[in-house]
Structure formats: C-alpha cells, structure tokens
Amino acid sequence: MLKIPELAMPKSQRVTTIYSGKRNVWTNYEEAKAYFLELMMSTDGEEHGRAECVYIQLMNGLDECSDE
C-alpha cells in the first residue's frame, strides 16, 4: 500500500491531444477540457463524436488523448 494514495498525488498539468491528425501539447489540463467541451457542443456528426472521444479521455485523466 502506498503511503500517499494515488488520487492524492498531484496530476501533471501537461496533456497531449491528437485530433484530426494534429498533435497538440497543452500545458493546462483545464484549458484542454474547456476547448474540447466547446468543440463538442458546437459540432455535430462525425466531428462531434471525435471531439467527444477526446473530451471523455481528458475527463478520465489520461496524459495522451486521441480521437481514434
């Protein structure tokens, strides 16, 4: 058992997203989540699904999120 629970450890603010073949490195998790939430809400069809995929991965705390 760890002395400090994993959930209590500080999470890195750096995240990499891959969306429509473009790789972006974000230095702030919250900015990335806000961007993909707005993108998801303002699009429909296939583009909405790809943005939603990245957003869900961001919500789960992954360090690299992809629309594939």
PDB file of N, CA and C in Angstrom:
ATOM      1  N   MET A   1       0.844  -1.186   0.000  1.00  0.00           N
ATOM      2  CA  MET A   1       0.000   0.000   0.000  1.00  0.00           C
ATOM      3  C   MET A   1       0.881   1.238   0.000  1.00  0.00           C
ATOM      4  N   LEU A   2       0.505   2.186  -0.797  1.00  0.00           N
ATOM      5  CA  LEU A   2       1.262   3.422  -0.875  1.00  0.00           C
ATOM      6  C   LEU A   2       0.991   4.299   0.345  1.00  0.00           C
ATOM      7  N   LYS A   3       2.004   5.053   0.739  1.00  0.00           N
ATOM      8  CA  LYS A   3       1.806   5.984   1.860  1.00  0.00           C
ATOM      9  C   LYS A   3       0.865   7.113   1.469  1.00  0.00           C
ATOM     10  N   ILE A   4       0.990   7.564   0.215  1.00  0.00           N
ATOM     11  CA  ILE A   4       0.113   8.613  -0.294  1.00  0.00           C
ATOM     12  C   ILE A   4      -0.771   7.977  -1.368  1.00  0.00           C
ATOM     13  N   PRO A   5      -2.078   8.028  -1.201  1.00  0.00           N
ATOM     14  CA  PRO A   5      -2.949   7.444  -2.231  1.00  0.00           C
ATOM     15  C   PRO A   5      -2.696   8.098  -3.585  1.00  0.00           C
ATOM     16  N   GLU A   6      -2.797   7.288  -4.638  1.00  0.00           N
ATOM     17  CA  GLU A   6      -2.527   7.791  -5.981  1.00  0.00           C
ATOM     18  C   GLU A   6      -3.418   8.971  -6.347  1.00  0.00           C
ATOM     19  N   LEU A   7      -4.654   8.959  -5.894  1.00  0.00           N
ATOM     20  CA  LEU A   7      -5.559  10.053  -6.223  1.00  0.00           C
ATOM     21  C   LEU A   7      -5.160  11.357  -5.541  1.00  0.00           C
ATOM     22  N   ALA A   8      -4.405  11.276  -4.457  1.00  0.00           N
ATOM     23  CA  ALA A   8      -3.982  12.478  -3.750  1.00  0.00           C
ATOM     24  C   ALA A   8      -2.715  13.075  -4.347  1.00  0.00           C
ATOM     25  N   MET A   9      -2.050  12.317  -5.211  1.00  0.00           N
ATOM     26  CA  MET A   9      -0.824  12.823  -5.825  1.00  0.00           C
ATOM     27  C   MET A   9      -1.163  13.899  -6.841  1.00  0.00           C
ATOM     28  N   PRO A  10      -0.342  14.926  -6.921  1.00  0.00           N
ATOM     29  CA  PRO A  10      -0.621  15.978  -7.900  1.00  0.00           C
ATOM     30  C   PRO A  10      -0.522  15.442  -9.328  1.00  0.00           C
ATOM     31  N   LYS A  11      -1.521  15.770 -10.122  1.00  0.00           N
ATOM     32  CA  LYS A  11      -1.560  15.313 -11.506  1.00  0.00           C
ATOM     33  C   LYS A  11      -0.804  16.311 -12.374  1.00  0.00           C
ATOM     34  N   SER A  12      -0.065  15.811 -13.332  1.00  0.00           N
ATOM     35  CA  SER A  12       0.650  16.669 -14.263  1.00  0.00           C
ATOM     36  C   SER A  12      -0.352  17.519 -15.029  1.00  0.00           C
ATOM     37  N   GLN A  13      -0.042  18.778 -15.213  1.00  0.00           N
ATOM     38  CA  GLN A  13      -0.923  19.658 -15.966  1.00  0.00           C
ATOM     39  C   GLN A  13      -0.717  19.521 -17.469  1.00  0.00           C
ATOM     40  N   ARG A  14       0.306  18.803 -17.879  1.00  0.00           N
ATOM     41  CA  ARG A  14       0.620  18.654 -19.301  1.00  0.00           C
ATOM     42  C   ARG A  14      -0.165  17.483 -19.889  1.00  0.00           C
ATOM     43  N   VAL A  15      -0.780  17.731 -21.045  1.00  0.00           N
ATOM     44  CA  VAL A  15      -1.554  16.696 -21.727  1.00  0.00           C
ATOM     45  C   VAL A  15      -1.347  16.846 -23.230  1.00  0.00           C
ATOM     46  N   THR A  16      -1.318  15.717 -23.922  1.00  0.00           N
ATOM     47  CA  THR A  16      -1.185  15.709 -25.380  1.00  0.00           C
ATOM     48  C   THR A  16      -2.495  15.226 -25.976  1.00  0.00           C
ATOM     49  N   THR A  17      -3.001  15.977 -26.959  1.00  0.00           N
ATOM     50  CA  THR A  17      -4.214  15.560 -27.651  1.00  0.00           C
ATOM     51  C   THR A  17      -3.892  15.344 -29.127  1.00  0.00           C
ATOM     52  N   ILE A  18      -4.542  14.344 -29.694  1.00  0.00           N
ATOM     53  CA  ILE A  18      -4.429  14.071 -31.120  1.00  0.00           C
ATOM     54  C   ILE A  18      -5.846  14.127 -31.681  1.00  0.00           C
ATOM     55  N   TYR A  19      -6.100  15.151 -32.490  1.00  0.00           N
ATOM     56  CA  TYR A  19      -7.437  15.381 -33.024  1.00  0.00           C
ATOM     57  C   TYR A  19      -7.313  15.704 -34.509  1.00  0.00           C
ATOM     58  N   SER A  20      -7.989  14.961 -35.337  1.00  0.00           N
ATOM     59  CA  SER A  20      -7.947  15.124 -36.797  1.00  0.00           C
ATOM     60  C   SER A  20      -6.521  15.065 -37.334  1.00  0.00           C
ATOM     61  N   GLY A  21      -5.711  14.193 -36.759  1.00  0.00           N
ATOM     62  CA  GLY A  21      -4.345  14.015 -37.214  1.00  0.00           C
ATOM     63  C   GLY A  21      -3.353  15.048 -36.712  1.00  0.00           C
ATOM     64  N   LYS A  22      -3.813  16.026 -35.938  1.00  0.00           N
ATOM     65  CA  LYS A  22      -2.935  17.069 -35.405  1.00  0.00           C
ATOM     66  C   LYS A  22      -2.645  16.804 -33.932  1.00  0.00           C
ATOM     67  N   ARG A  23      -1.377  16.852 -33.583  1.00  0.00           N
ATOM     68  CA  ARG A  23      -0.956  16.630 -32.199  1.00  0.00           C
ATOM     69  C   ARG A  23      -0.721  17.983 -31.533  1.00  0.00           C
ATOM     70  N   ASN A  24      -1.390  18.199 -30.401  1.00  0.00           N
ATOM     71  CA  ASN A  24      -1.211  19.421 -29.612  1.00  0.00           C
ATOM     72  C   ASN A  24      -0.772  19.053 -28.207  1.00  0.00           C
ATOM     73  N   VAL A  25       0.172  19.802 -27.685  1.00  0.00           N
ATOM     74  CA  VAL A  25       0.593  19.628 -26.298  1.00  0.00           C
ATOM     75  C   VAL A  25       0.067  20.816 -25.508  1.00  0.00           C
ATOM     76  N   TRP A  26      -0.749  20.517 -24.524  1.00  0.00           N
ATOM     77  CA  TRP A  26      -1.345  21.544 -23.664  1.00  0.00           C
ATOM     78  C   TRP A  26      -0.573  21.596 -22.354  1.00  0.00           C
ATOM     79  N   THR A  27      -0.367  22.775 -21.828  1.00  0.00           N
ATOM     80  CA  THR A  27       0.301  22.909 -20.534  1.00  0.00           C
ATOM     81  C   THR A  27      -0.708  23.020 -19.400  1.00  0.00           C
ATOM     82  N   ASN A  28      -1.988  23.083 -19.749  1.00  0.00           N
ATOM     83  CA  ASN A  28      -3.034  23.199 -18.739  1.00  0.00           C
ATOM     84  C   ASN A  28      -4.180  22.254 -19.087  1.00  0.00           C
ATOM     85  N   TYR A  29      -4.427  21.304 -18.214  1.00  0.00           N
ATOM     86  CA  TYR A  29      -5.493  20.311 -18.415  1.00  0.00           C
ATOM     87  C   TYR A  29      -6.855  20.978 -18.571  1.00  0.00           C
ATOM     88  N   GLU A  30      -7.115  21.986 -17.741  1.00  0.00           N
ATOM     89  CA  GLU A  30      -8.425  22.641 -17.749  1.00  0.00           C
ATOM     90  C   GLU A  30      -8.680  23.362 -19.069  1.00  0.00           C
ATOM     91  N   GLU A  31      -7.660  23.966 -19.656  1.00  0.00           N
ATOM     92  CA  GLU A  31      -7.819  24.624 -20.955  1.00  0.00           C
ATOM     93  C   GLU A  31      -8.158  23.605 -22.037  1.00  0.00           C
ATOM     94  N   ALA A  32      -7.492  22.465 -22.000  1.00  0.00           N
ATOM     95  CA  ALA A  32      -7.760  21.418 -22.975  1.00  0.00           C
ATOM     96  C   ALA A  32      -9.195  20.914 -22.833  1.00  0.00           C
ATOM     97  N   LYS A  33      -9.629  20.689 -21.609  1.00  0.00           N
ATOM     98  CA  LYS A  33     -11.003  20.212 -21.390  1.00  0.00           C
ATOM     99  C   LYS A  33     -12.018  21.237 -21.873  1.00  0.00           C
ATOM    100  N   ALA A  34     -11.772  22.517 -21.574  1.00  0.00           N
ATOM    101  CA  ALA A  34     -12.700  23.569 -21.996  1.00  0.00           C
ATOM    102  C   ALA A  34     -12.765  23.659 -23.518  1.00  0.00           C
ATOM    103  N   TYR A  35     -11.622  23.545 -24.185  1.00  0.00           N
ATOM    104  CA  TYR A  35     -11.576  23.611 -25.634  1.00  0.00           C
ATOM    105  C   TYR A  35     -12.383  22.476 -26.257  1.00  0.00           C
ATOM    106  N   PHE A  36     -12.164  21.252 -25.784  1.00  0.00           N
ATOM    107  CA  PHE A  36     -12.857  20.118 -26.386  1.00  0.00           C
ATOM    108  C   PHE A  36     -14.325  20.068 -26.004  1.00  0.00           C
ATOM    109  N   LEU A  37     -14.688  20.587 -24.843  1.00  0.00           N
ATOM    110  CA  LEU A  37     -16.107  20.679 -24.486  1.00  0.00           C
ATOM    111  C   LEU A  37     -16.809  21.646 -25.428  1.00  0.00           C
ATOM    112  N   GLU A  38     -16.209  22.805 -25.661  1.00  0.00           N
ATOM    113  CA  GLU A  38     -16.823  23.771 -26.573  1.00  0.00           C
ATOM    114  C   GLU A  38     -16.877  23.222 -27.998  1.00  0.00           C
ATOM    115  N   LEU A  39     -15.815  22.562 -28.433  1.00  0.00           N
ATOM    116  CA  LEU A  39     -15.785  21.966 -29.767  1.00  0.00           C
ATOM    117  C   LEU A  39     -16.875  20.899 -29.893  1.00  0.00           C
ATOM    118  N   MET A  40     -17.022  20.103 -28.863  1.00  0.00           N
ATOM    119  CA  MET A  40     -18.026  19.042 -28.871  1.00  0.00           C
ATOM    120  C   MET A  40     -19.442  19.634 -28.944  1.00  0.00           C
ATOM    121  N   MET A  41     -19.670  20.715 -28.219  1.00  0.00           N
ATOM    122  CA  MET A  41     -21.002  21.316 -28.185  1.00  0.00           C
ATOM    123  C   MET A  41     -21.339  22.101 -29.452  1.00  0.00           C
ATOM    124  N   SER A  42     -20.321  22.518 -30.190  1.00  0.00           N
ATOM    125  CA  SER A  42     -20.576  23.353 -31.368  1.00  0.00           C
ATOM    126  C   SER A  42     -20.522  22.577 -32.682  1.00  0.00           C
ATOM    127  N   THR A  43     -20.324  21.260 -32.618  1.00  0.00           N
ATOM    128  CA  THR A  43     -20.261  20.467 -33.840  1.00  0.00           C
ATOM    129  C   THR A  43     -21.278  19.335 -33.779  1.00  0.00           C
ATOM    130  N   ASP A  44     -21.459  18.697 -34.910  1.00  0.00           N
ATOM    131  CA  ASP A  44     -22.342  17.529 -34.929  1.00  0.00           C
ATOM    132  C   ASP A  44     -21.759  16.478 -35.861  1.00  0.00           C
ATOM    133  N   GLY A  45     -22.377  15.336 -35.867  1.00  0.00           N
ATOM    134  CA  GLY A  45     -21.932  14.251 -36.727  1.00  0.00           C
ATOM    135  C   GLY A  45     -20.607  13.644 -36.296  1.00  0.00           C
ATOM    136  N   GLU A  46     -19.798  13.315 -37.287  1.00  0.00           N
ATOM    137  CA  GLU A  46     -18.527  12.642 -37.018  1.00  0.00           C
ATOM    138  C   GLU A  46     -17.569  13.510 -36.209  1.00  0.00           C
ATOM    139  N   GLU A  47     -17.553  14.803 -36.505  1.00  0.00           N
ATOM    140  CA  GLU A  47     -16.656  15.707 -35.781  1.00  0.00           C
ATOM    141  C   GLU A  47     -17.043  15.785 -34.300  1.00  0.00           C
ATOM    142  N   HIS A  48     -18.337  15.781 -34.018  1.00  0.00           N
ATOM    143  CA  HIS A  48     -18.809  15.771 -32.635  1.00  0.00           C
ATOM    144  C   HIS A  48     -18.326  14.511 -31.919  1.00  0.00           C
ATOM    145  N   GLY A  49     -18.434  13.383 -32.591  1.00  0.00           N
ATOM    146  CA  GLY A  49     -18.010  12.118 -31.995  1.00  0.00           C
ATOM    147  C   GLY A  49     -16.523  12.087 -31.680  1.00  0.00           C
ATOM    148  N   ARG A  50     -15.703  12.641 -32.582  1.00  0.00           N
ATOM    149  CA  ARG A  50     -14.252  12.680 -32.339  1.00  0.00           C
ATOM    150  C   ARG A  50     -13.915  13.591 -31.166  1.00  0.00           C
ATOM    151  N   ALA A  51     -14.558  14.769 -31.115  1.00  0.00           N
ATOM    152  CA  ALA A  51     -14.314  15.702 -30.013  1.00  0.00           C
ATOM    153  C   ALA A  51     -14.769  15.092 -28.687  1.00  0.00           C
ATOM    154  N   GLU A  52     -15.893  14.395 -28.708  1.00  0.00           N
ATOM    155  CA  GLU A  52     -16.416  13.745 -27.505  1.00  0.00           C
ATOM    156  C   GLU A  52     -15.454  12.673 -27.006  1.00  0.00           C
ATOM    157  N   CYS A  53     -14.867  11.925 -27.919  1.00  0.00           N
ATOM    158  CA  CYS A  53     -13.910  10.874 -27.564  1.00  0.00           C
ATOM    159  C   CYS A  53     -12.711  11.471 -26.814  1.00  0.00           C
ATOM    160  N   VAL A  54     -12.167  12.561 -27.339  1.00  0.00           N
ATOM    161  CA  VAL A  54     -11.026  13.215 -26.688  1.00  0.00           C
ATOM    162  C   VAL A  54     -11.456  13.781 -25.335  1.00  0.00           C
ATOM    163  N   TYR A  55     -12.626  14.405 -25.280  1.00  0.00           N
ATOM    164  CA  TYR A  55     -13.108  15.008 -24.035  1.00  0.00           C
ATOM    165  C   TYR A  55     -13.285  13.955 -22.937  1.00  0.00           C
ATOM    166  N   ILE A  56     -13.846  12.819 -23.273  1.00  0.00           N
ATOM    167  CA  ILE A  56     -14.044  11.755 -22.282  1.00  0.00           C
ATOM    168  C   ILE A  56     -12.701  11.263 -21.756  1.00  0.00           C
ATOM    169  N   GLN A  57     -11.717  11.135 -22.639  1.00  0.00           N
ATOM    170  CA  GLN A  57     -10.397  10.714 -22.193  1.00  0.00           C
ATOM    171  C   GLN A  57      -9.771  11.762 -21.271  1.00  0.00           C
ATOM    172  N   LEU A  58      -9.994  13.040 -21.577  1.00  0.00           N
ATOM    173  CA  LEU A  58      -9.494  14.108 -20.703  1.00  0.00           C
ATOM    174  C   LEU A  58     -10.166  14.040 -19.327  1.00  0.00           C
ATOM    175  N   MET A  59     -11.465  13.780 -19.328  1.00  0.00           N
ATOM    176  CA  MET A  59     -12.196  13.680 -18.058  1.00  0.00           C
ATOM    177  C   MET A  59     -11.691  12.510 -17.217  1.00  0.00           C
ATOM    178  N   ASN A  60     -11.178  11.478 -17.861  1.00  0.00           N
ATOM    179  CA  ASN A  60     -10.638  10.322 -17.151  1.00  0.00           C
ATOM    180  C   ASN A  60      -9.185  10.508 -16.740  1.00  0.00           C
ATOM    181  N   GLY A  61      -8.601  11.654 -17.075  1.00  0.00           N
ATOM    182  CA  GLY A  61      -7.268  11.991 -16.600  1.00  0.00           C
ATOM    183  C   GLY A  61      -6.103  11.395 -17.377  1.00  0.00           C
ATOM    184  N   LEU A  62      -6.341  10.991 -18.626  1.00  0.00           N
ATOM    185  CA  LEU A  62      -5.249  10.424 -19.415  1.00  0.00           C
ATOM    186  C   LEU A  62      -4.250  11.505 -19.814  1.00  0.00           C
ATOM    187  N   ASP A  63      -2.989  11.125 -19.966  1.00  0.00           N
ATOM    188  CA  ASP A  63      -1.937  12.064 -20.362  1.00  0.00           C
ATOM    189  C   ASP A  63      -1.856  12.235 -21.876  1.00  0.00           C
ATOM    190  N   GLU A  64      -2.383  11.265 -22.622  1.00  0.00           N
ATOM    191  CA  GLU A  64      -2.439  11.359 -24.077  1.00  0.00           C
ATOM    192  C   GLU A  64      -3.826  10.932 -24.530  1.00  0.00           C
ATOM    193  N   CYS A  65      -4.509  11.838 -25.224  1.00  0.00           N
ATOM    194  CA  CYS A  65      -5.888  11.598 -25.640  1.00  0.00           C
ATOM    195  C   CYS A  65      -5.985  11.688 -27.155  1.00  0.00           C
ATOM    196  N   SER A  66      -6.706  10.736 -27.746  1.00  0.00           N
ATOM    197  CA  SER A  66      -6.796  10.655 -29.194  1.00  0.00           C
ATOM    198  C   SER A  66      -8.246  10.475 -29.615  1.00  0.00           C
ATOM    199  N   ASP A  67      -8.548  10.931 -30.834  1.00  0.00           N
ATOM    200  CA  ASP A  67      -9.908  10.774 -31.350  1.00  0.00           C
ATOM    201  C   ASP A  67     -10.107   9.442 -32.059  1.00  0.00           C
ATOM    202  N   GLU A  68      -9.126   8.568 -32.011  1.00  0.00           N
ATOM    203  CA  GLU A  68      -9.239   7.262 -32.668  1.00  0.00           C
ATOM    204  C   GLU A  68      -9.725   6.195 -31.714  1.00  0.00           C
TER     205      GLU A  68
END
